[in-house]
All heavy atoms as atom14 arrays in JSON, in Angstrom:
{
  "sequence": "DEGIRKETFQNLIMRRDVDLLIETTPTNNK",
  "atom14_mask": [
    [1, 1, 1, 1, 1, 1, 1, 1, 0, 0, 0, 0, 0, 0],
    [1, 1, 1, 1, 1, 1, 1, 1, 1, 0, 0, 0, 0, 0],
    [1, 1, 1, 1, 0, 0, 0, 0, 0, 0, 0, 0, 0, 0],
    [1, 1, 1, 1, 1, 1, 1, 1, 0, 0, 0, 0, 0, 0],
    [1, 1, 1, 1, 1, 1, 1, 1, 1, 1, 1, 0, 0, 0],
    [1, 1, 1, 1, 1, 1, 1, 1, 1, 0, 0, 0, 0, 0],
    [1, 1, 1, 1, 1, 1, 1, 1, 1, 0, 0, 0, 0, 0],
    [1, 1, 1, 1, 1, 1, 1, 0, 0, 0, 0, 0, 0, 0],
    [1, 1, 1, 1, 1, 1, 1, 1, 1, 1, 1, 0, 0, 0],
    [1, 1, 1, 1, 1, 1, 1, 1, 1, 0, 0, 0, 0, 0],
    [1, 1, 1, 1, 1, 1, 1, 1, 0, 0, 0, 0, 0, 0],
    [1, 1, 1, 1, 1, 1, 1, 1, 0, 0, 0, 0, 0, 0],
    [1, 1, 1, 1, 1, 1, 1, 1, 0, 0, 0, 0, 0, 0],
    [1, 1, 1, 1, 1, 1, 1, 1, 0, 0, 0, 0, 0, 0],
    [1, 1, 1, 1, 1, 1, 1, 1, 1, 1, 1, 0, 0, 0],
    [1, 1, 1, 1, 1, 1, 1, 1, 1, 1, 1, 0, 0, 0],
    [1, 1, 1, 1, 1, 1, 1, 1, 0, 0, 0, 0, 0, 0],
    [1, 1, 1, 1, 1, 1, 1, 0, 0, 0, 0, 0, 0, 0],
    [1, 1, 1, 1, 1, 1, 1, 1, 0, 0, 0, 0, 0, 0],
    [1, 1, 1, 1, 1, 1, 1, 1, 0, 0, 0, 0, 0, 0],
    [1, 1, 1, 1, 1, 1, 1, 1, 0, 0, 0, 0, 0, 0],
    [1, 1, 1, 1, 1, 1, 1, 1, 0, 0, 0, 0, 0, 0],
    [1, 1, 1, 1, 1, 1, 1, 1, 1, 0, 0, 0, 0, 0],
    [1, 1, 1, 1, 1, 1, 1, 0, 0, 0, 0, 0, 0, 0],
    [1, 1, 1, 1, 1, 1, 1, 0, 0, 0, 0, 0, 0, 0],
    [1, 1, 1, 1, 1, 1, 1, 0, 0, 0, 0, 0, 0, 0],
    [1, 1, 1, 1, 1, 1, 1, 0, 0, 0, 0, 0, 0, 0],
    [1, 1, 1, 1, 1, 1, 1, 1, 0, 0, 0, 0, 0, 0],
    [1, 1, 1, 1, 1, 1, 1, 1, 0, 0, 0, 0, 0, 0],
    [1, 1, 1, 1, 1, 1, 1, 1, 1, 0, 0, 0, 0, 0]
  ],
  "atom14_positions": [
    [[290.09, 12.42, 54.7], [291.1, 13.26, 54.69], [292.46, 12.39, 54.81], [292.59, 11.55, 55.45], [291.07, 14.3, 55.8], [292.16, 15.51, 55.67], [292.51, 15.69, 54.44], [292.38, 16.07, 56.72], [0.0, 0.0, 0.0], [0.0, 0.0, 0.0], [0.0, 0.0, 0.0], [0.0, 0.0, 0.0], [0.0, 0.0, 0.0], [0.0, 0.0, 0.0]],
    [[293.5, 12.76, 53.97], [294.73, 12.12, 53.98], [295.45, 12.14, 55.33], [295.41, 13.31, 55.87], [295.6, 12.75, 52.87], [296.9, 12.0, 52.73], [297.88, 12.49, 51.63], [297.29, 13.32, 50.91], [299.02, 12.12, 51.6], [0.0, 0.0, 0.0], [0.0, 0.0, 0.0], [0.0, 0.0, 0.0], [0.0, 0.0, 0.0], [0.0, 0.0, 0.0]],
    [[295.84, 11.1, 55.82], [296.57, 11.14, 57.11], [295.65, 10.86, 58.31], [296.14, 10.68, 59.41], [0.0, 0.0, 0.0], [0.0, 0.0, 0.0], [0.0, 0.0, 0.0], [0.0, 0.0, 0.0], [0.0, 0.0, 0.0], [0.0, 0.0, 0.0], [0.0, 0.0, 0.0], [0.0, 0.0, 0.0], [0.0, 0.0, 0.0], [0.0, 0.0, 0.0]],
    [[294.34, 10.64, 58.0], [293.4, 10.43, 59.18], [293.49, 8.97, 59.64], [293.58, 8.11, 58.86], [291.95, 10.79, 58.68], [291.69, 12.3, 58.66], [290.91, 10.2, 59.75], [291.81, 13.02, 60.0], [0.0, 0.0, 0.0], [0.0, 0.0, 0.0], [0.0, 0.0, 0.0], [0.0, 0.0, 0.0], [0.0, 0.0, 0.0], [0.0, 0.0, 0.0]],
    [[293.62, 8.83, 61.01], [293.48, 7.59, 61.57], [292.35, 7.49, 62.56], [291.82, 8.53, 63.02], [294.83, 7.27, 62.39], [296.06, 7.55, 61.51], [297.28, 7.4, 62.35], [298.53, 7.94, 61.7], [299.67, 7.92, 62.33], [299.77, 7.66, 63.6], [300.7, 8.37, 61.72], [0.0, 0.0, 0.0], [0.0, 0.0, 0.0], [0.0, 0.0, 0.0]],
    [[291.99, 6.25, 62.99], [290.99, 6.21, 63.98], [291.51, 6.6, 65.39], [292.59, 6.39, 65.59], [290.43, 4.85, 64.01], [289.53, 4.39, 62.81], [288.91, 3.01, 62.96], [287.96, 2.6, 61.88], [287.44, 1.26, 62.01], [0.0, 0.0, 0.0], [0.0, 0.0, 0.0], [0.0, 0.0, 0.0], [0.0, 0.0, 0.0], [0.0, 0.0, 0.0]],
    [[290.69, 7.18, 66.16], [291.19, 7.55, 67.42], [290.35, 7.2, 68.62], [289.07, 6.91, 68.55], [291.08, 9.16, 67.55], [291.54, 9.87, 68.78], [293.02, 9.79, 69.0], [293.59, 8.69, 69.08], [293.7, 10.9, 69.3], [0.0, 0.0, 0.0], [0.0, 0.0, 0.0], [0.0, 0.0, 0.0], [0.0, 0.0, 0.0], [0.0, 0.0, 0.0]],
    [[290.94, 6.9, 69.67], [290.28, 6.51, 70.99], [290.86, 7.34, 72.07], [291.95, 8.03, 71.96], [290.49, 5.03, 71.38], [291.86, 4.79, 71.7], [290.09, 4.11, 70.34], [0.0, 0.0, 0.0], [0.0, 0.0, 0.0], [0.0, 0.0, 0.0], [0.0, 0.0, 0.0], [0.0, 0.0, 0.0], [0.0, 0.0, 0.0], [0.0, 0.0, 0.0]],
    [[290.11, 7.55, 73.26], [290.57, 8.38, 74.38], [291.83, 7.7, 74.93], [292.83, 8.41, 75.18], [289.51, 8.44, 75.41], [289.96, 9.31, 76.55], [290.21, 10.63, 76.47], [290.18, 8.58, 77.86], [290.67, 11.28, 77.6], [290.57, 9.33, 78.9], [290.73, 10.69, 78.86], [0.0, 0.0, 0.0], [0.0, 0.0, 0.0], [0.0, 0.0, 0.0]],
    [[291.83, 6.44, 74.96], [293.09, 5.72, 75.53], [294.39, 6.08, 74.74], [295.42, 6.18, 75.23], [292.88, 4.23, 75.6], [293.95, 3.43, 76.26], [294.19, 3.84, 77.66], [293.17, 4.32, 78.37], [295.29, 3.64, 78.27], [0.0, 0.0, 0.0], [0.0, 0.0, 0.0], [0.0, 0.0, 0.0], [0.0, 0.0, 0.0], [0.0, 0.0, 0.0]],
    [[294.23, 5.94, 73.39], [295.33, 6.28, 72.49], [295.77, 7.81, 72.78], [297.0, 8.07, 72.64], [294.89, 6.12, 71.0], [294.89, 4.57, 70.64], [295.45, 3.72, 71.42], [294.23, 4.2, 69.59], [0.0, 0.0, 0.0], [0.0, 0.0, 0.0], [0.0, 0.0, 0.0], [0.0, 0.0, 0.0], [0.0, 0.0, 0.0], [0.0, 0.0, 0.0]],
    [[294.8, 8.6, 72.84], [295.14, 10.06, 72.95], [295.98, 10.33, 74.25], [296.91, 10.92, 74.25], [293.87, 10.94, 73.15], [293.99, 12.33, 73.63], [294.68, 13.12, 72.53], [292.61, 13.05, 73.95], [0.0, 0.0, 0.0], [0.0, 0.0, 0.0], [0.0, 0.0, 0.0], [0.0, 0.0, 0.0], [0.0, 0.0, 0.0], [0.0, 0.0, 0.0]],
    [[295.54, 9.56, 75.41], [296.07, 9.79, 76.63], [297.6, 9.1, 76.66], [298.62, 9.68, 77.12], [295.35, 9.14, 77.77], [294.13, 9.81, 77.99], [296.2, 9.02, 79.04], [294.34, 11.34, 78.43], [0.0, 0.0, 0.0], [0.0, 0.0, 0.0], [0.0, 0.0, 0.0], [0.0, 0.0, 0.0], [0.0, 0.0, 0.0], [0.0, 0.0, 0.0]],
    [[297.76, 8.04, 75.99], [299.01, 7.32, 75.88], [299.98, 8.08, 75.08], [301.19, 7.99, 75.21], [298.88, 5.78, 75.46], [297.99, 4.97, 76.42], [298.71, 5.0, 78.1], [300.21, 4.11, 77.82], [0.0, 0.0, 0.0], [0.0, 0.0, 0.0], [0.0, 0.0, 0.0], [0.0, 0.0, 0.0], [0.0, 0.0, 0.0], [0.0, 0.0, 0.0]],
    [[299.57, 8.56, 73.91], [300.5, 9.31, 72.98], [301.15, 10.62, 73.57], [302.3, 10.84, 73.37], [299.68, 9.6, 71.7], [299.77, 8.75, 70.57], [299.48, 9.25, 69.3], [298.32, 10.39, 69.34], [297.09, 10.11, 69.37], [296.61, 8.84, 69.09], [296.27, 11.07, 69.49], [0.0, 0.0, 0.0], [0.0, 0.0, 0.0], [0.0, 0.0, 0.0]],
    [[300.4, 11.33, 74.36], [300.73, 12.57, 74.9], [301.23, 13.63, 73.9], [302.28, 14.26, 74.13], [301.73, 12.32, 76.04], [301.23, 11.37, 77.08], [302.28, 11.05, 78.16], [302.6, 12.22, 78.94], [303.34, 12.2, 80.04], [303.89, 11.07, 80.54], [303.56, 13.27, 80.81], [0.0, 0.0, 0.0], [0.0, 0.0, 0.0], [0.0, 0.0, 0.0]],
    [[300.62, 13.64, 72.82], [301.1, 14.63, 71.7], [300.19, 15.82, 71.51], [300.25, 16.41, 70.41], [301.46, 13.93, 70.45], [300.18, 13.4, 69.72], [299.21, 13.41, 70.47], [300.14, 13.13, 68.5], [0.0, 0.0, 0.0], [0.0, 0.0, 0.0], [0.0, 0.0, 0.0], [0.0, 0.0, 0.0], [0.0, 0.0, 0.0], [0.0, 0.0, 0.0]],
    [[299.33, 16.12, 72.55], [298.72, 17.35, 72.57], [298.96, 18.1, 73.85], [299.49, 17.54, 74.83], [297.12, 17.05, 72.46], [296.81, 16.31, 71.19], [296.61, 16.39, 73.73], [0.0, 0.0, 0.0], [0.0, 0.0, 0.0], [0.0, 0.0, 0.0], [0.0, 0.0, 0.0], [0.0, 0.0, 0.0], [0.0, 0.0, 0.0], [0.0, 0.0, 0.0]],
    [[298.78, 19.46, 73.79], [298.97, 20.35, 74.91], [297.67, 20.52, 75.71], [297.89, 20.88, 76.92], [299.49, 21.63, 74.44], [300.82, 21.45, 73.66], [301.78, 20.86, 74.11], [300.8, 21.91, 72.43], [0.0, 0.0, 0.0], [0.0, 0.0, 0.0], [0.0, 0.0, 0.0], [0.0, 0.0, 0.0], [0.0, 0.0, 0.0], [0.0, 0.0, 0.0]],
    [[296.55, 20.52, 75.04], [295.32, 20.9, 75.8], [294.1, 20.05, 75.24], [293.97, 19.87, 74.0], [295.04, 22.38, 75.58], [293.83, 23.11, 76.11], [294.13, 24.55, 76.63], [292.58, 23.1, 75.26], [0.0, 0.0, 0.0], [0.0, 0.0, 0.0], [0.0, 0.0, 0.0], [0.0, 0.0, 0.0], [0.0, 0.0, 0.0], [0.0, 0.0, 0.0]],
    [[293.24, 19.66, 76.18], [292.09, 18.88, 75.85], [290.82, 19.81, 76.13], [290.81, 20.51, 77.22], [292.05, 17.57, 76.75], [290.71, 16.84, 76.66], [290.55, 16.19, 75.31], [290.53, 15.9, 77.81], [0.0, 0.0, 0.0], [0.0, 0.0, 0.0], [0.0, 0.0, 0.0], [0.0, 0.0, 0.0], [0.0, 0.0, 0.0], [0.0, 0.0, 0.0]],
    [[289.99, 19.74, 75.17], [288.65, 20.49, 75.4], [287.59, 19.34, 75.45], [287.45, 18.47, 74.68], [288.35, 21.3, 74.06], [289.42, 22.35, 73.81], [286.96, 22.02, 74.15], [289.61, 22.73, 72.37], [0.0, 0.0, 0.0], [0.0, 0.0, 0.0], [0.0, 0.0, 0.0], [0.0, 0.0, 0.0], [0.0, 0.0, 0.0], [0.0, 0.0, 0.0]],
    [[286.87, 19.48, 76.64], [285.86, 18.49, 76.99], [284.47, 19.05, 76.96], [284.18, 19.98, 77.68], [286.24, 17.96, 78.36], [285.93, 16.44, 78.56], [284.48, 16.08, 78.57], [283.65, 16.91, 78.75], [284.24, 14.83, 78.5], [0.0, 0.0, 0.0], [0.0, 0.0, 0.0], [0.0, 0.0, 0.0], [0.0, 0.0, 0.0], [0.0, 0.0, 0.0]],
    [[283.56, 18.63, 76.03], [282.33, 19.31, 75.87], [281.28, 18.04, 75.65], [280.25, 18.26, 75.13], [282.21, 20.1, 74.64], [282.43, 19.28, 73.4], [283.28, 21.21, 74.58], [0.0, 0.0, 0.0], [0.0, 0.0, 0.0], [0.0, 0.0, 0.0], [0.0, 0.0, 0.0], [0.0, 0.0, 0.0], [0.0, 0.0, 0.0], [0.0, 0.0, 0.0]],
    [[281.45, 16.94, 76.45], [280.53, 15.93, 76.41], [279.27, 16.29, 77.3], [279.41, 17.26, 78.12], [281.06, 14.62, 76.93], [281.53, 14.8, 78.29], [282.22, 14.15, 76.02], [0.0, 0.0, 0.0], [0.0, 0.0, 0.0], [0.0, 0.0, 0.0], [0.0, 0.0, 0.0], [0.0, 0.0, 0.0], [0.0, 0.0, 0.0], [0.0, 0.0, 0.0]],
    [[278.1, 15.72, 77.16], [276.92, 16.17, 77.97], [277.18, 16.01, 79.47], [277.92, 15.17, 79.89], [275.81, 15.09, 77.44], [276.3, 14.78, 76.13], [277.8, 14.68, 76.11], [0.0, 0.0, 0.0], [0.0, 0.0, 0.0], [0.0, 0.0, 0.0], [0.0, 0.0, 0.0], [0.0, 0.0, 0.0], [0.0, 0.0, 0.0], [0.0, 0.0, 0.0]],
    [[276.58, 16.99, 80.16], [276.6, 17.0, 81.58], [275.93, 15.94, 82.23], [274.74, 15.65, 81.9], [276.15, 18.37, 82.07], [276.99, 19.43, 81.62], [276.03, 18.44, 83.66], [0.0, 0.0, 0.0], [0.0, 0.0, 0.0], [0.0, 0.0, 0.0], [0.0, 0.0, 0.0], [0.0, 0.0, 0.0], [0.0, 0.0, 0.0], [0.0, 0.0, 0.0]],
    [[276.54, 15.23, 83.19], [275.89, 14.34, 84.09], [276.14, 14.82, 85.57], [277.29, 14.68, 86.13], [276.5, 12.92, 83.84], [275.8, 11.84, 84.71], [275.29, 12.13, 85.96], [275.68, 10.68, 84.2], [0.0, 0.0, 0.0], [0.0, 0.0, 0.0], [0.0, 0.0, 0.0], [0.0, 0.0, 0.0], [0.0, 0.0, 0.0], [0.0, 0.0, 0.0]],
    [[275.21, 15.36, 86.28], [275.3, 15.77, 87.51], [275.35, 14.81, 88.63], [275.61, 15.22, 89.88], [274.19, 16.85, 87.88], [274.42, 18.16, 87.14], [275.57, 18.45, 86.64], [273.42, 19.08, 87.16], [0.0, 0.0, 0.0], [0.0, 0.0, 0.0], [0.0, 0.0, 0.0], [0.0, 0.0, 0.0], [0.0, 0.0, 0.0], [0.0, 0.0, 0.0]],
    [[275.08, 13.46, 88.27], [275.04, 12.51, 89.26], [276.42, 11.75, 89.46], [276.89, 11.53, 90.58], [273.88, 11.45, 88.99], [272.5, 12.07, 89.08], [271.47, 10.84, 88.72], [270.02, 11.47, 88.88], [269.03, 10.34, 88.54], [0.0, 0.0, 0.0], [0.0, 0.0, 0.0], [0.0, 0.0, 0.0], [0.0, 0.0, 0.0], [0.0, 0.0, 0.0]]
  ]
}
């Protein structure tokens, strides 16, 4: 898709250009 760049969690946090994060990674109860 035009305009697509690679993303990392660190980049997401540093940019701060989103309002809300949805977290659906697998559960680890330990």
